[in-house]
Amino acid sequence: MRILVTGAAGFIASHLCEKLQALGHEVYGIDNFNDYYSPDLKLRNASDLQAKGIPIFKVDLNADLKEVFLQPYDFIYHLAAQPGISADTTLDDYMVNNIKATQNLLEAVLTYNSDLKSFVNIATSSVYGLEATVDECVPAQPVSFYGVTKLAAEQLVLGLHRTGKLNACSIRLYSVYGPRERPEKLYTKLIENLIHNQPFPLFEGSLRHERSFTYVGDIVEGLAAIIGRESRVNGEIINLGTEEVNTTEEGIKAVEAILGKSLIVQQFPARKGDQQRTAAVIDKARQLLDYNPKTSLRQGLELQVAWYKEKFTS
């Protein structure tokens, strides 16, 4: 299969590219290498992919995409997005990168690649709101710009499915971590601050937050499982995560134990839009994708610590 992965130089997408290639597929990536976080990290990921023979188009999804579609694809995995809930990111940034970019990509697909087997939209548990502990049938109640715009992007994709113009599904991910995790995310920042004895910014109340922290390897296994099952999941929304739930405090203690160090904490006021609890309900993923996440939080964090040491301290 020929497959296009958007946001390919990013955290999850770079792992997905490698997984799909290992399964024998012809994989292409697209990324705009924006500066939301250090482009150097994305360039490292892109270099690793290109060394394995995975070409990456350096193109913004809001631009003319004709050159990207000179050849047709069997599958598109759409992971590119404006992530996070940073107060420094405006609503316009989310709208441009999550809604408008998705619409421009969809228009390119309908124009140049209408025989696509499946458009796999990557969504988020943030669409559920402050408590993401429900199945896919419960109405979304997002509370952040990120959640609102990701829900809108999801509906743009599924709207085309409902009108018979596109084979598509949408996958809602839960708190993904692991090697290549973005630098502002919990575990990469935690590992960095512990290793360098730097204060860690902790938002009020966040120690009690509960999360389905899901290892990136388990996520890409589930995403790759869509191939060959695309007719089964056509039109579906599917949660993908782990049923194991841990508090942020438990995650911090696990990294402290792995590194044998104690964290220096710097307290900040509670952050608006932060989810209080997530607990992935994955019955549908088990049924439709034979999905079975296997990596415990401790196992995944050991792999992430090893990655960080190799890439940034050696």
Protein backbone atom coordinates (compact mmCIF):
# COMPACT_ATOMS: atom_id res chain seq x y z
CA MET A 1 0.00 0.00 0.00
CA ARG A 2 1.10 3.58 -0.68
CA ILE A 3 0.47 5.67 2.44
CA LEU A 4 0.73 9.39 3.24
CA VAL A 5 1.27 10.46 6.87
CA THR A 6 0.76 14.12 7.80
CA GLY A 7 2.83 15.67 10.57
CA ALA A 8 5.39 12.97 9.79
CA ALA A 9 8.32 14.61 11.59
CA GLY A 10 6.34 14.81 14.83
CA PHE A 11 6.18 12.46 17.79
CA ILE A 12 3.48 9.90 17.01
CA ALA A 13 3.57 10.25 13.23
CA SER A 14 7.29 9.48 12.97
CA HIS A 15 6.75 6.23 14.87
CA LEU A 16 3.78 5.42 12.66
CA CYS A 17 5.85 5.96 9.50
CA GLU A 18 8.44 3.50 10.74
CA LYS A 19 5.81 0.96 11.73
CA LEU A 20 4.02 1.11 8.38
CA GLN A 21 7.29 0.78 6.47
CA ALA A 22 8.28 -2.21 8.60
CA LEU A 23 5.00 -3.84 7.55
CA GLY A 24 6.07 -3.49 3.92
CA HIS A 25 4.14 -0.39 2.90
CA GLU A 26 5.42 2.48 0.75
CA VAL A 27 5.33 5.45 3.11
CA TYR A 28 5.50 9.18 2.42
CA GLY A 29 5.40 11.98 4.95
CA ILE A 30 4.43 15.63 4.94
CA ASP A 31 5.35 18.25 7.56
CA ASN A 32 5.67 22.04 7.69
CA PHE A 33 8.38 21.96 10.41
CA ASN A 34 6.80 24.89 12.24
CA ASP A 35 8.36 26.42 15.35
CA TYR A 36 5.70 25.53 17.95
CA TYR A 37 8.61 23.66 19.49
CA SER A 38 12.21 23.39 18.34
CA PRO A 39 12.29 22.51 14.63
CA ASP A 40 15.63 20.83 15.36
CA LEU A 41 13.80 17.97 17.06
CA LYS A 42 11.57 17.47 14.04
CA LEU A 43 14.59 17.63 11.75
CA ARG A 44 16.18 14.83 13.78
CA ASN A 45 13.07 12.71 13.37
CA ALA A 46 12.87 13.53 9.67
CA SER A 47 16.52 12.63 9.20
CA ASP A 48 15.91 9.23 10.82
CA LEU A 49 12.94 8.62 8.51
CA GLN A 50 14.73 9.74 5.37
CA ALA A 51 17.69 7.51 6.22
CA LYS A 52 15.21 4.62 6.11
CA GLY A 53 13.95 5.67 2.68
CA ILE A 54 10.81 7.53 3.79
CA PRO A 55 10.60 10.80 1.81
CA ILE A 56 9.03 13.85 3.47
CA PHE A 57 7.38 16.75 1.67
CA LYS A 58 8.21 20.04 3.42
CA VAL A 59 4.83 21.66 2.80
CA ASP A 60 2.20 23.38 4.92
CA LEU A 61 -1.22 21.72 4.68
CA ASN A 62 -2.74 25.14 4.03
CA ALA A 63 -0.69 25.50 0.84
CA ASP A 64 -1.30 24.13 -2.67
CA LEU A 65 -0.94 20.35 -2.29
CA LYS A 66 -0.95 19.36 -5.94
CA GLU A 67 2.72 18.30 -5.88
CA VAL A 68 2.03 16.01 -2.93
CA PHE A 69 -0.67 14.22 -4.91
CA LEU A 70 1.17 13.61 -8.16
CA GLN A 71 0.76 9.96 -7.22
CA PRO A 72 -2.35 8.51 -5.56
CA TYR A 73 -2.34 7.03 -2.05
CA ASP A 74 -4.26 4.07 -0.69
CA PHE A 75 -4.39 5.46 2.86
CA ILE A 76 -3.86 8.85 4.48
CA TYR A 77 -3.17 9.13 8.20
CA HIS A 78 -3.83 12.72 9.25
CA LEU A 79 -1.85 13.51 12.41
CA ALA A 80 -0.71 17.09 11.68
CA ALA A 81 -2.29 19.54 14.10
CA GLN A 82 -1.80 22.48 16.43
CA PRO A 83 -1.42 20.60 19.72
CA GLY A 84 -1.68 21.38 23.41
CA ILE A 85 -3.54 23.93 25.51
CA SER A 86 -0.87 26.62 25.83
CA ALA A 87 -2.17 30.07 26.76
CA ASP A 88 0.33 31.45 24.24
CA THR A 89 -1.50 29.77 21.35
CA THR A 90 -4.39 31.80 19.96
CA LEU A 91 -7.75 30.52 18.78
CA ASP A 92 -6.75 31.61 15.28
CA ASP A 93 -3.67 29.36 15.42
CA TYR A 94 -5.86 26.37 16.29
CA MET A 95 -8.40 27.24 13.61
CA VAL A 96 -5.77 27.64 10.89
CA ASN A 97 -3.80 24.51 11.75
CA ASN A 98 -6.61 22.18 12.84
CA ILE A 99 -9.69 23.22 10.88
CA LYS A 100 -8.52 25.07 7.77
CA ALA A 101 -5.56 22.76 7.20
CA THR A 102 -7.79 19.70 7.47
CA GLN A 103 -10.29 21.19 5.02
CA ASN A 104 -7.55 22.06 2.53
CA LEU A 105 -6.19 18.51 2.75
CA LEU A 106 -9.66 17.06 2.25
CA GLU A 107 -10.23 19.24 -0.81
CA ALA A 108 -6.94 18.00 -2.26
CA VAL A 109 -7.99 14.41 -1.62
CA LEU A 110 -11.33 14.88 -3.37
CA THR A 111 -9.59 16.60 -6.30
CA TYR A 112 -6.59 14.33 -6.81
CA ASN A 113 -7.15 11.10 -4.84
CA SER A 114 -10.87 10.30 -4.80
CA ASP A 115 -10.34 6.50 -4.83
CA LEU A 116 -8.69 6.52 -1.39
CA LYS A 117 -9.30 3.34 0.62
CA SER A 118 -9.44 5.26 3.89
CA PHE A 119 -8.74 8.68 5.35
CA VAL A 120 -7.73 8.05 8.96
CA ASN A 121 -8.27 11.19 11.03
CA ILE A 122 -6.32 11.33 14.29
CA ALA A 123 -8.44 13.00 16.95
CA THR A 124 -8.09 13.30 20.71
CA SER A 125 -9.78 12.39 23.98
CA SER A 126 -9.78 16.14 24.69
CA VAL A 127 -13.03 16.36 22.71
CA TYR A 128 -14.80 14.65 25.64
CA GLY A 129 -14.06 17.55 27.98
CA LEU A 130 -12.84 17.59 31.57
CA GLU A 131 -13.72 13.91 32.12
CA ALA A 132 -12.75 11.58 29.27
CA THR A 133 -14.01 8.34 30.76
CA VAL A 134 -16.74 7.36 28.31
CA ASP A 135 -17.29 5.43 25.11
CA GLU A 136 -17.60 6.89 21.63
CA CYS A 137 -21.40 7.23 21.79
CA VAL A 138 -21.33 9.96 24.45
CA PRO A 139 -21.61 13.51 23.01
CA ALA A 140 -18.37 15.49 22.97
CA GLN A 141 -18.06 18.41 25.41
CA PRO A 142 -14.65 20.03 24.73
CA VAL A 143 -13.52 22.87 26.99
CA SER A 144 -10.29 24.00 25.26
CA PHE A 145 -9.56 25.63 21.91
CA TYR A 146 -7.59 22.49 21.09
CA GLY A 147 -10.50 20.16 21.84
CA VAL A 148 -13.04 22.34 20.05
CA THR A 149 -11.01 22.64 16.86
CA LYS A 150 -10.01 18.98 16.81
CA LEU A 151 -13.69 18.06 17.11
CA ALA A 152 -14.48 20.40 14.21
CA ALA A 153 -11.75 18.77 12.11
CA GLU A 154 -13.14 15.34 12.94
CA GLN A 155 -16.59 16.42 11.79
CA LEU A 156 -15.23 17.82 8.53
CA VAL A 157 -13.83 14.36 7.79
CA LEU A 158 -16.88 12.40 8.90
CA GLY A 159 -19.21 14.83 7.13
CA LEU A 160 -17.65 13.80 3.84
CA HIS A 161 -18.14 10.17 4.79
CA ARG A 162 -21.79 10.77 5.62
CA THR A 163 -22.37 12.29 2.18
CA GLY A 164 -20.67 9.35 0.44
CA LYS A 165 -17.64 11.32 -0.76
CA LEU A 166 -14.93 9.75 1.40
CA ASN A 167 -14.08 6.50 3.14
CA ALA A 168 -12.92 7.62 6.56
CA CYS A 169 -12.70 6.97 10.28
CA SER A 170 -11.57 9.01 13.27
CA ILE A 171 -9.34 7.74 16.08
CA ARG A 172 -9.36 9.51 19.45
CA LEU A 173 -6.04 9.11 21.26
CA TYR A 174 -5.37 9.16 25.00
CA SER A 175 -2.28 10.78 26.62
CA VAL A 176 0.42 9.30 24.41
CA TYR A 177 4.01 9.24 25.71
CA GLY A 178 7.30 7.62 24.78
CA PRO A 179 10.51 8.33 22.83
CA ARG A 180 10.29 11.55 20.74
CA GLU A 181 7.53 12.99 22.93
CA ARG A 182 7.33 16.77 22.48
CA PRO A 183 9.63 18.75 24.81
CA GLU A 184 6.81 20.59 26.61
CA LYS A 185 4.89 17.40 27.35
CA LEU A 186 4.90 15.85 30.82
CA TYR A 187 7.44 13.06 30.61
CA THR A 188 10.06 14.57 28.32
CA LYS A 189 10.08 17.73 30.42
CA LEU A 190 10.10 15.69 33.63
CA ILE A 191 13.06 13.57 32.49
CA GLU A 192 14.97 16.66 31.33
CA ASN A 193 14.42 18.54 34.56
CA LEU A 194 15.35 15.59 36.75
CA ILE A 195 18.55 14.89 34.84
CA HIS A 196 19.62 18.55 34.93
CA ASN A 197 18.34 19.26 38.46
CA GLN A 198 16.02 21.99 37.21
CA PRO A 199 12.69 23.07 38.78
CA PHE A 200 9.69 21.37 37.22
CA PRO A 201 6.55 23.52 36.62
CA LEU A 202 3.64 21.85 38.38
CA PHE A 203 0.14 23.23 37.96
CA GLU A 204 -2.07 23.33 41.05
CA GLY A 205 -4.15 20.19 41.42
CA SER A 206 -2.36 18.33 38.64
CA LEU A 207 -0.80 15.69 40.90
CA ARG A 208 -4.30 14.24 41.36
CA HIS A 209 -5.12 14.22 37.64
CA GLU A 210 -5.72 10.70 36.36
CA ARG A 211 -4.63 9.66 32.88
CA SER A 212 -4.66 6.70 30.54
CA PHE A 213 -0.97 7.24 29.78
CA THR A 214 -0.55 5.20 26.58
CA TYR A 215 2.80 4.11 25.17
CA VAL A 216 3.37 5.28 21.60
CA GLY A 217 4.21 1.76 20.43
CA ASP A 218 0.76 0.54 21.48
CA ILE A 219 -0.86 3.48 19.67
CA VAL A 220 0.87 2.82 16.35
CA GLU A 221 0.00 -0.88 16.57
CA GLY A 222 -3.65 0.13 16.75
CA LEU A 223 -3.35 2.63 13.92
CA ALA A 224 -1.57 0.17 11.65
CA ALA A 225 -4.29 -2.41 12.33
CA ILE A 226 -6.75 -0.29 10.36
CA ILE A 227 -5.13 -1.47 7.11
CA GLY A 228 -7.04 -4.55 5.99
CA ARG A 229 -9.92 -3.62 8.28
CA GLU A 230 -10.78 -0.31 6.60
CA SER A 231 -14.26 -1.43 5.53
CA ARG A 232 -14.99 -2.56 9.08
CA VAL A 233 -14.10 0.82 10.58
CA ASN A 234 -15.48 3.03 7.80
CA GLY A 235 -17.46 5.89 9.35
CA GLU A 236 -16.50 4.93 12.90
CA ILE A 237 -15.09 6.93 15.79
CA ILE A 238 -12.75 4.77 17.87
CA ASN A 239 -10.99 5.41 21.19
CA LEU A 240 -7.36 4.25 21.29
CA GLY A 241 -5.52 4.16 24.59
CA THR A 242 -4.76 1.98 27.57
CA GLU A 243 -7.19 0.94 30.29
CA GLU A 244 -4.41 1.37 32.86
CA VAL A 245 -4.99 4.64 34.74
CA ASN A 246 -2.32 6.46 36.74
CA THR A 247 -2.18 9.82 38.47
CA THR A 248 0.37 12.42 37.45
CA GLU A 249 1.95 11.92 40.86
CA GLU A 250 2.40 8.20 40.17
CA GLY A 251 4.02 9.02 36.85
CA ILE A 252 6.43 11.46 38.49
CA LYS A 253 7.38 8.92 41.15
CA ALA A 254 8.03 6.31 38.46
CA VAL A 255 10.49 8.58 36.62
CA GLU A 256 12.15 9.55 39.90
CA ALA A 257 12.65 5.86 40.67
CA ILE A 258 14.06 5.09 37.21
CA LEU A 259 16.56 7.97 37.43
CA GLY A 260 17.20 7.64 41.17
CA LYS A 261 16.63 11.36 41.70
CA SER A 262 14.08 13.62 43.41
CA LEU A 263 12.19 16.31 41.55
CA ILE A 264 12.48 20.02 42.35
CA VAL A 265 8.94 21.41 42.04
CA GLN A 266 7.89 24.94 41.04
CA GLN A 267 4.18 25.54 41.68
CA PHE A 268 1.92 27.39 39.23
CA PRO A 269 -1.82 28.19 39.30
CA ALA A 270 -4.18 25.63 37.78
CA ARG A 271 -4.21 25.66 33.99
CA LYS A 272 -7.48 26.41 32.23
CA GLY A 273 -8.73 23.55 30.05
CA ASP A 274 -6.71 20.79 31.73
CA GLN A 275 -8.59 17.50 31.86
CA GLN A 276 -9.20 16.16 35.36
CA ARG A 277 -9.49 12.49 34.44
CA THR A 278 -9.11 10.29 31.42
CA ALA A 279 -9.77 6.57 31.33
CA ALA A 280 -9.86 5.03 27.88
CA VAL A 281 -12.90 2.90 27.07
CA ILE A 282 -11.56 0.70 24.27
CA ASP A 283 -14.21 -2.00 23.79
CA LYS A 284 -14.81 -0.85 20.20
CA ALA A 285 -11.08 -0.86 19.40
CA ARG A 286 -10.78 -4.39 20.75
CA GLN A 287 -13.76 -5.51 18.67
CA LEU A 288 -12.93 -3.77 15.38
CA LEU A 289 -9.12 -3.67 15.44
CA ASP A 290 -8.21 -6.56 17.76
CA TYR A 291 -6.47 -3.87 19.75
CA ASN A 292 -4.61 -4.97 22.88
CA PRO A 293 -2.21 -2.44 24.49
CA LYS A 294 0.52 -4.29 26.39
CA THR A 295 3.03 -1.73 27.67
CA SER A 296 2.86 -0.77 31.34
CA LEU A 297 3.66 2.79 32.39
CA ARG A 298 6.91 1.71 34.05
CA GLN A 299 8.03 -0.21 30.94
CA GLY A 300 7.25 2.69 28.63
CA LEU A 301 8.96 5.25 30.84
CA GLU A 302 12.12 3.15 31.01
CA LEU A 303 12.21 3.21 27.20
CA GLN A 304 11.62 6.95 27.13
CA VAL A 305 14.37 7.63 29.67
CA ALA A 306 16.78 5.47 27.64
CA TRP A 307 15.87 7.40 24.47
CA TYR A 308 16.39 10.78 26.15
CA LYS A 309 19.79 9.78 27.52
CA GLU A 310 20.91 8.48 24.12
CA LYS A 311 19.77 11.54 22.17
CA PHE A 312 20.48 14.38 24.58
CA THR A 313 23.12 13.37 27.12
CA SER A 314 25.54 11.15 25.20
